[in-house]
Amino acid sequence: MSFTYKIILGLCLLLVAISFAVSMGAADIPMRISWAIALNQLMPDFFTQHWFGFEWSKGQQSIIWQIRFPRAILGALVGAGLAVTGCILQTATRNPLADPHLLGVSSGAAFGAIVAIMHVGLLFGALTLPLFAFIGALTTMMLVILIARHGGFLDANRLVMSGVAVSFVVMAAANLLIFLGDHRAAHNVMFWMLGGLGLAQWQDLIYPLVIFGICFTWFSLNARKINALMAGEEMATTLGLNVAGFRMKIFIFAALMTSVMVAFSGAIGFVGLMIPHILRLFFGADNRFLIPFSAIYGAIFLVLVDILARKILAPEDLPIGIITGLVGGVFFIWMMQRK
């Protein structure tokens, strides 16, 4: 099967996953009604209720269009963004255990977001949260790299260990900020730290969509250079690549992607660890193909996890981070046993 057909198949599977996501919940709504409502909202003058031959209530319309559709789209964007970031970090560091969560990027983004939520306020409007999350993520990643460098080289094993250590320190500082902040807001912040898509709104989707588009495009255009890093720093240098400068650009774009996703969904871990590693078993390690596959199947994975999170304790939403943490922890143990 050619690359194009594989992409089309993946996109069809993503559409199916989104269809289930908007139809299933505490109150299931038939899939035909869900898509009829969506088409009616997009083209109300053409796709009327009489055109479909069946009707739906205002309550169903509100649930589908105002709650479930933006939630499913945000889940797809976050899953795609975290999976692509994990794919790139694993290649750039030559370590299959590299992940935004394990390298402390998610923790740094969470720290910045908590500062904005509980101690600063919306200084720059809707951009405040992603801006502070980006600053926190980038600062944390630079600190991890600084600690991991040994003898002028970036050791892959030291990078992961440094990321885990810095992540613990940053999360301790984040918990201190929560303790010192307004306790009335602490409950909402704690739920956000566990990860969730319940706050998704149409007007906010533009931010993760634009950032994902920019970062995904840059990673895709530089896929050949990223492939060169897999051969090692010396080989990449002989190919004419400025390894230090290019790797720094990778880390900046990775921090940007992760911080924005974390700002709108909370700290969701292990997506970037599992998805790229599994896809390499089926599609190989060439980032020209692995990057788009990671985006598609990362999106599918998180959309399906969100369905599970809404159904397990319905009508309550289980934080997504609990499920991804459980699955990711088991997967991490499997990887350690395998390698």
Protein backbone atom coordinates (compact mmCIF):
# COMPACT_ATOMS: atom_id res chain seq x y z
CA MET A 1 0.00 0.00 0.00
CA SER A 2 1.44 3.38 -1.02
CA PHE A 3 2.07 6.26 1.35
CA THR A 4 -0.91 8.21 -0.04
CA TYR A 5 -3.34 5.35 0.56
CA LYS A 6 -2.02 4.87 4.08
CA ILE A 7 -2.61 8.57 4.82
CA ILE A 8 -6.14 8.38 3.38
CA LEU A 9 -6.85 5.28 5.47
CA GLY A 10 -5.59 7.02 8.61
CA LEU A 11 -7.71 10.10 7.94
CA CYS A 12 -10.79 7.90 7.42
CA LEU A 13 -10.12 6.19 10.76
CA LEU A 14 -9.78 9.62 12.39
CA LEU A 15 -13.13 10.68 10.94
CA VAL A 16 -14.72 7.50 12.32
CA ALA A 17 -13.20 8.16 15.76
CA ILE A 18 -14.52 11.74 15.77
CA SER A 19 -17.94 10.46 14.70
CA PHE A 20 -18.07 8.16 17.70
CA ALA A 21 -16.75 10.93 19.98
CA VAL A 22 -19.55 13.37 19.10
CA SER A 23 -22.22 10.67 19.31
CA MET A 24 -21.22 8.93 22.54
CA GLY A 25 -21.35 10.32 26.05
CA ALA A 26 -23.54 10.38 29.14
CA ALA A 27 -26.47 10.66 26.71
CA ASP A 28 -25.80 8.86 23.42
CA ILE A 29 -27.09 10.56 20.28
CA PRO A 30 -27.42 8.69 16.95
CA MET A 31 -24.53 9.37 14.60
CA ARG A 32 -26.83 10.45 11.76
CA ILE A 33 -28.33 13.15 13.98
CA SER A 34 -24.86 14.28 15.10
CA TRP A 35 -23.64 14.87 11.54
CA ALA A 36 -26.99 16.34 10.49
CA ILE A 37 -26.62 18.93 13.26
CA ALA A 38 -23.05 19.69 12.15
CA LEU A 39 -24.08 20.16 8.51
CA ASN A 40 -27.03 22.30 9.60
CA GLN A 41 -24.71 24.55 11.62
CA LEU A 42 -22.25 24.88 8.73
CA MET A 43 -24.89 25.50 6.02
CA PRO A 44 -28.18 26.32 7.76
CA ASP A 45 -29.91 27.59 4.62
CA PHE A 46 -29.34 24.35 2.73
CA PHE A 47 -29.19 21.54 5.32
CA THR A 48 -32.47 22.14 7.15
CA GLN A 49 -34.29 19.64 9.33
CA HIS A 50 -36.87 19.17 6.58
CA TRP A 51 -34.06 18.34 4.13
CA PHE A 52 -32.94 15.41 6.33
CA GLY A 53 -36.47 14.18 6.97
CA PHE A 54 -36.03 13.98 10.75
CA GLU A 55 -35.81 16.46 13.60
CA TRP A 56 -33.65 17.00 16.66
CA SER A 57 -34.12 18.97 19.86
CA LYS A 58 -32.35 22.19 20.83
CA GLY A 59 -30.73 20.28 23.67
CA GLN A 60 -29.22 17.75 21.27
CA GLN A 61 -28.03 20.56 19.02
CA SER A 62 -26.34 22.33 21.93
CA ILE A 63 -24.64 19.13 23.16
CA ILE A 64 -23.34 18.15 19.74
CA TRP A 65 -22.25 21.52 18.35
CA GLN A 66 -21.27 23.51 21.45
CA ILE A 67 -19.73 20.72 23.55
CA ARG A 68 -18.80 17.52 21.76
CA PHE A 69 -17.53 18.76 18.40
CA PRO A 70 -15.05 21.33 19.79
CA ARG A 71 -14.00 18.77 22.39
CA ALA A 72 -13.31 16.11 19.75
CA ILE A 73 -11.39 18.55 17.56
CA LEU A 74 -9.29 19.77 20.50
CA GLY A 75 -8.57 16.15 21.43
CA ALA A 76 -7.43 15.43 17.88
CA LEU A 77 -5.16 18.51 17.84
CA VAL A 78 -3.63 17.74 21.25
CA GLY A 79 -3.08 14.06 20.42
CA ALA A 80 -1.51 14.95 17.09
CA GLY A 81 0.69 17.66 18.60
CA LEU A 82 2.01 15.54 21.46
CA ALA A 83 2.65 12.52 19.22
CA VAL A 84 4.56 14.58 16.65
CA THR A 85 6.59 16.24 19.40
CA GLY A 86 7.48 12.87 20.89
CA CYS A 87 8.47 11.56 17.46
CA ILE A 88 10.79 14.52 16.86
CA LEU A 89 12.35 14.48 20.34
CA GLN A 90 13.07 10.75 20.12
CA THR A 91 14.93 11.32 16.85
CA ALA A 92 16.74 14.50 17.93
CA THR A 93 17.99 12.88 21.15
CA ARG A 94 18.42 9.39 19.66
CA ASN A 95 16.50 7.98 22.61
CA PRO A 96 13.23 5.99 22.19
CA LEU A 97 12.17 7.03 25.71
CA ALA A 98 12.21 10.76 24.94
CA ASP A 99 8.79 12.34 25.43
CA PRO A 100 7.47 15.84 26.28
CA HIS A 101 6.33 14.48 29.64
CA LEU A 102 9.56 12.66 30.51
CA LEU A 103 11.80 15.54 29.41
CA GLY A 104 10.02 17.98 31.71
CA VAL A 105 8.45 20.05 28.92
CA SER A 106 4.89 19.27 30.04
CA SER A 107 5.79 20.06 33.65
CA GLY A 108 7.33 23.39 32.65
CA ALA A 109 4.26 24.27 30.59
CA ALA A 110 2.01 23.34 33.51
CA PHE A 111 4.09 25.51 35.86
CA GLY A 112 3.81 28.51 33.54
CA ALA A 113 0.07 28.01 33.12
CA ILE A 114 -0.44 27.79 36.90
CA VAL A 115 1.45 31.07 37.37
CA ALA A 116 -0.89 32.69 34.85
CA ILE A 117 -4.07 31.19 36.29
CA MET A 118 -3.50 31.70 40.01
CA HIS A 119 -1.01 34.55 40.42
CA VAL A 120 -0.91 36.79 37.35
CA GLY A 121 -4.30 36.82 35.69
CA LEU A 122 -5.11 37.33 32.03
CA LEU A 123 -2.64 40.15 31.33
CA PHE A 124 -2.68 39.49 27.58
CA GLY A 125 -6.20 38.16 27.24
CA ALA A 126 -6.64 34.69 25.78
CA LEU A 127 -2.94 34.59 24.83
CA THR A 128 -1.80 34.78 28.47
CA LEU A 129 -2.13 31.07 29.22
CA PRO A 130 -0.31 29.70 26.14
CA LEU A 131 2.36 32.44 26.42
CA PHE A 132 3.22 31.62 30.05
CA ALA A 133 3.04 27.89 29.28
CA PHE A 134 5.52 28.35 26.40
CA ILE A 135 7.93 30.33 28.59
CA GLY A 136 7.75 27.63 31.27
CA ALA A 137 8.22 24.78 28.76
CA LEU A 138 11.14 26.42 26.97
CA THR A 139 12.89 27.35 30.23
CA THR A 140 12.51 23.83 31.59
CA MET A 141 13.80 22.23 28.39
CA MET A 142 16.86 24.50 28.33
CA LEU A 143 17.55 23.59 31.96
CA VAL A 144 17.27 19.87 31.17
CA ILE A 145 19.67 20.22 28.23
CA LEU A 146 22.14 22.20 30.35
CA ILE A 147 22.17 19.51 33.04
CA ALA A 148 22.34 16.64 30.54
CA ARG A 149 25.33 17.97 28.59
CA HIS A 150 28.45 16.07 29.58
CA GLY A 151 31.87 16.73 28.09
CA GLY A 152 30.36 18.98 25.43
CA PHE A 153 28.00 16.26 24.15
CA LEU A 154 24.31 15.63 24.76
CA ASP A 155 24.05 12.12 26.16
CA ALA A 156 20.67 10.50 25.48
CA ASN A 157 20.47 8.60 28.77
CA ARG A 158 21.46 11.63 30.83
CA LEU A 159 18.84 13.65 28.97
CA VAL A 160 15.97 11.41 30.08
CA MET A 161 17.25 11.17 33.66
CA SER A 162 17.73 14.94 33.80
CA GLY A 163 14.23 15.43 32.42
CA VAL A 164 12.68 13.22 35.07
CA ALA A 165 14.63 14.96 37.86
CA VAL A 166 13.79 18.47 36.64
CA SER A 167 10.16 17.46 36.15
CA PHE A 168 9.89 16.46 39.82
CA VAL A 169 11.42 19.77 40.93
CA VAL A 170 9.19 21.85 38.66
CA MET A 171 6.03 20.00 39.71
CA ALA A 172 6.98 20.49 43.36
CA ALA A 173 7.24 24.23 42.67
CA ALA A 174 3.89 24.12 40.85
CA ASN A 175 2.25 22.40 43.83
CA LEU A 176 3.73 25.08 46.10
CA LEU A 177 2.14 27.79 43.93
CA ILE A 178 -1.20 26.02 44.19
CA PHE A 179 -0.86 25.80 47.97
CA LEU A 180 0.01 29.49 48.28
CA GLY A 181 -2.68 30.61 45.82
CA ASP A 182 -6.43 31.00 46.13
CA HIS A 183 -7.72 27.71 47.50
CA ARG A 184 -11.08 28.28 45.82
CA ALA A 185 -9.36 27.99 42.44
CA ALA A 186 -7.15 25.06 43.47
CA HIS A 187 -9.79 22.46 42.59
CA ASN A 188 -10.08 23.68 39.01
CA VAL A 189 -6.29 23.83 38.63
CA MET A 190 -5.84 20.31 39.97
CA PHE A 191 -8.40 18.97 37.48
CA TRP A 192 -6.57 20.86 34.71
CA MET A 193 -3.21 19.37 35.79
CA LEU A 194 -4.67 15.86 35.41
CA GLY A 195 -5.59 16.60 31.81
CA GLY A 196 -8.97 17.01 30.19
CA LEU A 197 -10.84 18.44 27.23
CA GLY A 198 -13.96 19.62 29.03
CA LEU A 199 -13.19 23.34 28.60
CA ALA A 200 -12.97 23.18 24.79
CA GLN A 201 -14.71 26.05 22.99
CA TRP A 202 -14.88 26.97 19.32
CA GLN A 203 -13.28 30.39 19.78
CA ASP A 204 -10.23 28.89 21.52
CA LEU A 205 -9.44 26.23 18.91
CA ILE A 206 -7.72 28.73 16.63
CA TYR A 207 -4.64 28.88 18.90
CA PRO A 208 -3.73 25.15 19.01
CA LEU A 209 -4.75 24.84 15.34
CA VAL A 210 -2.40 27.62 14.15
CA ILE A 211 0.52 26.49 16.33
CA PHE A 212 0.11 22.88 15.27
CA GLY A 213 0.03 23.96 11.62
CA ILE A 214 3.22 26.02 11.98
CA CYS A 215 5.20 23.40 13.92
CA PHE A 216 3.99 20.45 11.84
CA THR A 217 4.92 22.26 8.63
CA TRP A 218 8.40 23.11 9.92
CA PHE A 219 9.04 19.56 11.11
CA SER A 220 7.82 18.12 7.79
CA LEU A 221 9.95 20.48 5.69
CA ASN A 222 13.02 19.56 7.74
CA ALA A 223 12.33 15.81 7.94
CA ARG A 224 15.45 14.90 5.95
CA LYS A 225 17.66 16.94 8.27
CA ILE A 226 15.97 15.36 11.27
CA ASN A 227 16.71 11.94 9.75
CA ALA A 228 20.39 12.91 9.58
CA LEU A 229 20.45 13.28 13.37
CA MET A 230 19.69 9.57 13.73
CA ALA A 231 23.12 8.76 12.29
CA GLY A 232 24.85 10.68 15.09
CA GLU A 233 26.33 14.15 15.49
CA GLU A 234 29.56 13.39 13.61
CA MET A 235 27.77 11.95 10.59
CA ALA A 236 25.25 14.82 10.54
CA THR A 237 28.11 17.33 10.67
CA THR A 238 29.85 15.66 7.71
CA LEU A 239 26.58 16.06 5.78
CA GLY A 240 26.84 19.83 6.29
CA LEU A 241 24.34 20.17 9.14
CA ASN A 242 24.91 22.62 12.00
CA VAL A 243 23.89 20.09 14.62
CA ALA A 244 23.84 22.36 17.68
CA GLY A 245 21.88 25.15 15.98
CA PHE A 246 19.43 22.82 14.25
CA ARG A 247 18.80 20.79 17.40
CA MET A 248 18.12 24.01 19.32
CA LYS A 249 15.50 24.97 16.71
CA ILE A 250 13.91 21.54 17.15
CA PHE A 251 13.70 22.03 20.91
CA ILE A 252 12.15 25.49 20.52
CA PHE A 253 9.45 24.24 18.14
CA ALA A 254 8.86 21.19 20.38
CA ALA A 255 8.45 23.45 23.42
CA LEU A 256 6.07 25.71 21.48
CA MET A 257 3.91 22.81 20.34
CA THR A 258 3.81 21.14 23.76
CA SER A 259 3.15 24.33 25.72
CA VAL A 260 0.14 25.36 23.66
CA MET A 261 -1.37 21.87 23.80
CA VAL A 262 -0.82 21.68 27.57
CA ALA A 263 -2.28 25.19 28.01
CA PHE A 264 -5.61 24.08 26.52
CA SER A 265 -5.81 20.45 27.67
CA GLY A 266 -3.75 20.18 30.83
CA ALA A 267 -0.79 17.86 31.42
CA ILE A 268 -1.47 14.70 29.39
CA GLY A 269 1.50 12.38 29.49
CA PHE A 270 2.95 9.44 27.52
CA VAL A 271 1.12 10.09 24.21
CA GLY A 272 4.40 11.23 22.68
CA LEU A 273 6.16 8.15 24.04
CA MET A 274 3.76 5.44 22.89
CA ILE A 275 2.45 6.49 19.49
CA PRO A 276 5.76 7.12 17.60
CA HIS A 277 7.36 4.01 19.07
CA ILE A 278 4.46 1.79 17.98
CA LEU A 279 4.30 3.38 14.52
CA ARG A 280 8.00 2.70 13.90
CA LEU A 281 7.24 -1.01 14.13
CA PHE A 282 4.81 -0.70 11.20
CA PHE A 283 6.04 2.22 9.09
CA GLY A 284 9.77 2.43 9.80
CA ALA A 285 11.87 5.28 11.19
CA ASP A 286 11.89 7.67 8.21
CA ASN A 287 10.53 10.94 9.59
CA ARG A 288 9.20 11.99 6.18
CA PHE A 289 6.49 9.38 6.74
CA LEU A 290 6.56 8.99 10.52
CA ILE A 291 5.67 12.64 11.24
CA PRO A 292 2.30 12.62 9.40
CA PHE A 293 1.48 9.13 10.68
CA SER A 294 2.23 10.26 14.25
CA ALA A 295 -0.11 13.22 13.82
CA ILE A 296 -2.98 11.09 12.51
CA TYR A 297 -2.72 8.18 14.93
CA GLY A 298 -1.92 10.42 17.90
CA ALA A 299 -5.16 12.25 17.15
CA ILE A 300 -7.09 8.98 16.88
CA PHE A 301 -5.63 7.68 20.14
CA LEU A 302 -6.55 10.72 22.23
CA VAL A 303 -10.05 11.00 20.73
CA LEU A 304 -10.69 7.35 21.67
CA VAL A 305 -9.24 7.87 25.16
CA ASP A 306 -11.59 10.84 25.63
CA ILE A 307 -14.56 8.63 24.74
CA LEU A 308 -13.42 6.13 27.37
CA ALA A 309 -12.94 8.92 29.92
CA ARG A 310 -16.52 10.09 29.42
CA LYS A 311 -18.06 6.62 29.57
CA ILE A 312 -16.28 5.01 32.54
CA LEU A 313 -17.83 7.18 35.26
CA ALA A 314 -20.69 8.74 33.26
CA PRO A 315 -22.08 11.34 33.73
CA GLU A 316 -18.78 12.44 35.37
CA ASP A 317 -15.69 12.99 33.23
CA LEU A 318 -12.59 11.06 34.26
CA PRO A 319 -9.45 13.17 33.65
CA ILE A 320 -7.72 11.94 30.51
CA GLY A 321 -4.29 12.14 32.15
CA ILE A 322 -5.25 9.31 34.50
CA ILE A 323 -5.96 6.94 31.61
CA THR A 324 -2.93 7.94 29.52
CA GLY A 325 -0.74 7.71 32.64
CA LEU A 326 -1.98 4.18 33.37
CA VAL A 327 -1.56 2.98 29.78
CA GLY A 328 1.72 4.84 29.35
CA GLY A 329 3.18 3.44 32.58
CA VAL A 330 2.45 -0.12 31.49
CA PHE A 331 3.91 0.64 28.05
CA PHE A 332 7.03 2.15 29.65
CA ILE A 333 7.57 -1.01 31.71
CA TRP A 334 7.15 -3.11 28.56
CA MET A 335 9.77 -1.02 26.76
CA MET A 336 12.24 -1.43 29.63
CA GLN A 337 11.72 -5.20 29.59
CA ARG A 338 12.13 -5.26 25.80
CA LYS A 339 15.28 -3.08 25.78
